[in-house]
Amino acid sequence: MLWNKIQIVLNKKHWSLAKLARESNVNYETLKKYKFAGQEPGFSKVCKIADALGISLDELR
């Protein structure tokens, strides 16, 4: 699952979900759906998240 890979990077950076929301400009409630409800983000959201985390899209594959 994509979120597991995102969570690994969040843990390494010591970032909260709120910090990711601020840095990625993705709504906090939307991120909660990805994390807790298992919804998968669309391509544009994945790009925003990867950019905020400073990682490539390949790292999320």
N, C-alpha and C. Protein backbone atom coordinates (compact mmCIF):
# COMPACT_ATOMS: atom_id res chain seq x y z
N MET A 1 0.85 -1.19 0.00
CA MET A 1 0.00 0.00 0.00
C MET A 1 0.89 1.24 0.00
N LEU A 2 0.47 2.21 -0.73
CA LEU A 2 1.22 3.45 -0.88
C LEU A 2 1.44 4.15 0.46
N TRP A 3 0.42 4.16 1.30
CA TRP A 3 0.55 4.91 2.54
C TRP A 3 1.66 4.38 3.43
N ASN A 4 1.90 3.07 3.40
CA ASN A 4 2.97 2.51 4.22
C ASN A 4 4.32 3.14 3.86
N LYS A 5 4.54 3.36 2.57
CA LYS A 5 5.79 3.97 2.13
C LYS A 5 5.86 5.44 2.54
N ILE A 6 4.74 6.13 2.46
CA ILE A 6 4.69 7.53 2.90
C ILE A 6 4.96 7.60 4.40
N GLN A 7 4.37 6.69 5.15
CA GLN A 7 4.54 6.70 6.62
C GLN A 7 5.99 6.47 7.01
N ILE A 8 6.70 5.63 6.29
CA ILE A 8 8.12 5.40 6.57
C ILE A 8 8.90 6.70 6.45
N VAL A 9 8.64 7.46 5.39
CA VAL A 9 9.34 8.73 5.19
C VAL A 9 8.92 9.74 6.27
N LEU A 10 7.64 9.77 6.60
CA LEU A 10 7.18 10.68 7.67
C LEU A 10 7.90 10.37 8.98
N ASN A 11 8.03 9.09 9.29
CA ASN A 11 8.71 8.70 10.53
C ASN A 11 10.17 9.13 10.52
N LYS A 12 10.84 8.94 9.38
CA LYS A 12 12.25 9.33 9.28
C LYS A 12 12.43 10.83 9.47
N LYS A 13 11.46 11.61 8.96
CA LYS A 13 11.54 13.06 9.05
C LYS A 13 10.96 13.59 10.36
N HIS A 14 10.33 12.70 11.14
CA HIS A 14 9.64 13.10 12.37
C HIS A 14 8.55 14.11 12.08
N TRP A 15 7.81 13.86 11.00
CA TRP A 15 6.71 14.74 10.59
C TRP A 15 5.38 14.14 11.02
N SER A 16 4.49 15.00 11.42
CA SER A 16 3.11 14.59 11.70
C SER A 16 2.29 14.69 10.43
N LEU A 17 1.09 14.18 10.50
CA LEU A 17 0.17 14.30 9.38
C LEU A 17 -0.15 15.78 9.11
N ALA A 18 -0.27 16.56 10.17
CA ALA A 18 -0.54 17.99 10.03
C ALA A 18 0.61 18.70 9.31
N LYS A 19 1.83 18.32 9.63
CA LYS A 19 3.00 18.92 8.97
C LYS A 19 3.00 18.56 7.47
N LEU A 20 2.68 17.31 7.16
CA LEU A 20 2.60 16.90 5.76
C LEU A 20 1.52 17.69 5.04
N ALA A 21 0.40 17.90 5.69
CA ALA A 21 -0.69 18.68 5.07
C ALA A 21 -0.22 20.09 4.75
N ARG A 22 0.47 20.73 5.69
CA ARG A 22 0.96 22.08 5.46
C ARG A 22 1.99 22.13 4.34
N GLU A 23 2.92 21.21 4.36
CA GLU A 23 4.03 21.22 3.40
C GLU A 23 3.59 20.82 1.99
N SER A 24 2.60 19.94 1.90
CA SER A 24 2.18 19.42 0.60
C SER A 24 1.00 20.18 0.01
N ASN A 25 0.36 20.97 0.84
CA ASN A 25 -0.86 21.67 0.43
C ASN A 25 -1.98 20.69 0.04
N VAL A 26 -1.98 19.54 0.75
CA VAL A 26 -3.06 18.57 0.62
C VAL A 26 -3.84 18.64 1.92
N ASN A 27 -5.15 18.74 1.81
CA ASN A 27 -6.01 18.90 2.96
C ASN A 27 -5.76 17.81 4.01
N TYR A 28 -5.71 18.21 5.27
CA TYR A 28 -5.46 17.28 6.38
C TYR A 28 -6.49 16.15 6.40
N GLU A 29 -7.75 16.49 6.21
CA GLU A 29 -8.81 15.48 6.22
C GLU A 29 -8.63 14.48 5.07
N THR A 30 -8.16 14.95 3.96
CA THR A 30 -7.88 14.07 2.83
C THR A 30 -6.76 13.10 3.17
N LEU A 31 -5.71 13.61 3.79
CA LEU A 31 -4.60 12.75 4.20
C LEU A 31 -5.07 11.70 5.21
N LYS A 32 -5.96 12.08 6.11
CA LYS A 32 -6.50 11.12 7.07
C LYS A 32 -7.24 9.99 6.36
N LYS A 33 -7.95 10.31 5.30
CA LYS A 33 -8.65 9.27 4.53
C LYS A 33 -7.65 8.30 3.91
N TYR A 34 -6.54 8.83 3.42
CA TYR A 34 -5.52 7.97 2.85
C TYR A 34 -4.92 7.06 3.92
N LYS A 35 -4.67 7.63 5.08
CA LYS A 35 -4.01 6.87 6.13
C LYS A 35 -4.95 5.89 6.83
N PHE A 36 -6.12 6.36 7.21
CA PHE A 36 -6.98 5.54 8.06
C PHE A 36 -8.09 4.80 7.33
N ALA A 37 -8.52 5.30 6.18
CA ALA A 37 -9.63 4.65 5.47
C ALA A 37 -9.14 3.84 4.27
N GLY A 38 -7.85 3.90 4.00
CA GLY A 38 -7.28 3.11 2.93
C GLY A 38 -7.55 3.63 1.53
N GLN A 39 -8.03 4.87 1.43
CA GLN A 39 -8.23 5.44 0.10
C GLN A 39 -6.87 5.71 -0.54
N GLU A 40 -6.82 5.54 -1.84
CA GLU A 40 -5.57 5.79 -2.56
C GLU A 40 -5.61 7.18 -3.19
N PRO A 41 -4.54 7.94 -3.05
CA PRO A 41 -4.51 9.28 -3.66
C PRO A 41 -4.36 9.20 -5.17
N GLY A 42 -4.87 10.21 -5.84
CA GLY A 42 -4.68 10.34 -7.27
C GLY A 42 -3.27 10.81 -7.58
N PHE A 43 -2.95 10.81 -8.85
CA PHE A 43 -1.59 11.15 -9.28
C PHE A 43 -1.16 12.54 -8.82
N SER A 44 -2.03 13.52 -8.95
CA SER A 44 -1.64 14.90 -8.58
C SER A 44 -1.35 15.00 -7.08
N LYS A 45 -2.11 14.29 -6.27
CA LYS A 45 -1.87 14.32 -4.82
C LYS A 45 -0.57 13.59 -4.48
N VAL A 46 -0.32 12.48 -5.15
CA VAL A 46 0.93 11.75 -4.92
C VAL A 46 2.12 12.64 -5.27
N CYS A 47 2.01 13.39 -6.35
CA CYS A 47 3.08 14.31 -6.74
C CYS A 47 3.31 15.37 -5.67
N LYS A 48 2.24 15.94 -5.14
CA LYS A 48 2.36 16.96 -4.09
C LYS A 48 3.01 16.38 -2.84
N ILE A 49 2.61 15.19 -2.47
CA ILE A 49 3.16 14.53 -1.28
C ILE A 49 4.64 14.23 -1.48
N ALA A 50 4.99 13.67 -2.62
CA ALA A 50 6.39 13.35 -2.90
C ALA A 50 7.25 14.61 -2.91
N ASP A 51 6.76 15.67 -3.53
CA ASP A 51 7.50 16.94 -3.54
C ASP A 51 7.72 17.47 -2.13
N ALA A 52 6.68 17.43 -1.32
CA ALA A 52 6.79 17.91 0.06
C ALA A 52 7.79 17.10 0.86
N LEU A 53 7.81 15.82 0.61
CA LEU A 53 8.72 14.94 1.35
C LEU A 53 10.14 14.95 0.78
N GLY A 54 10.28 15.55 -0.41
CA GLY A 54 11.61 15.61 -1.02
C GLY A 54 12.07 14.27 -1.58
N ILE A 55 11.10 13.47 -2.06
CA ILE A 55 11.44 12.17 -2.62
C ILE A 55 10.88 12.07 -4.04
N SER A 56 11.37 11.10 -4.78
CA SER A 56 10.89 10.91 -6.14
C SER A 56 9.65 10.01 -6.11
N LEU A 57 8.90 10.07 -7.19
CA LEU A 57 7.74 9.19 -7.31
C LEU A 57 8.17 7.72 -7.31
N ASP A 58 9.35 7.44 -7.83
CA ASP A 58 9.84 6.07 -7.85
C ASP A 58 9.97 5.50 -6.45
N GLU A 59 10.30 6.33 -5.50
CA GLU A 59 10.44 5.86 -4.13
C GLU A 59 9.11 5.44 -3.51
N LEU A 60 8.03 5.89 -4.10
CA LEU A 60 6.70 5.53 -3.60
C LEU A 60 6.11 4.32 -4.33
N ARG A 61 6.86 3.77 -5.27
CA ARG A 61 6.38 2.60 -6.01
C ARG A 61 6.50 1.36 -5.20
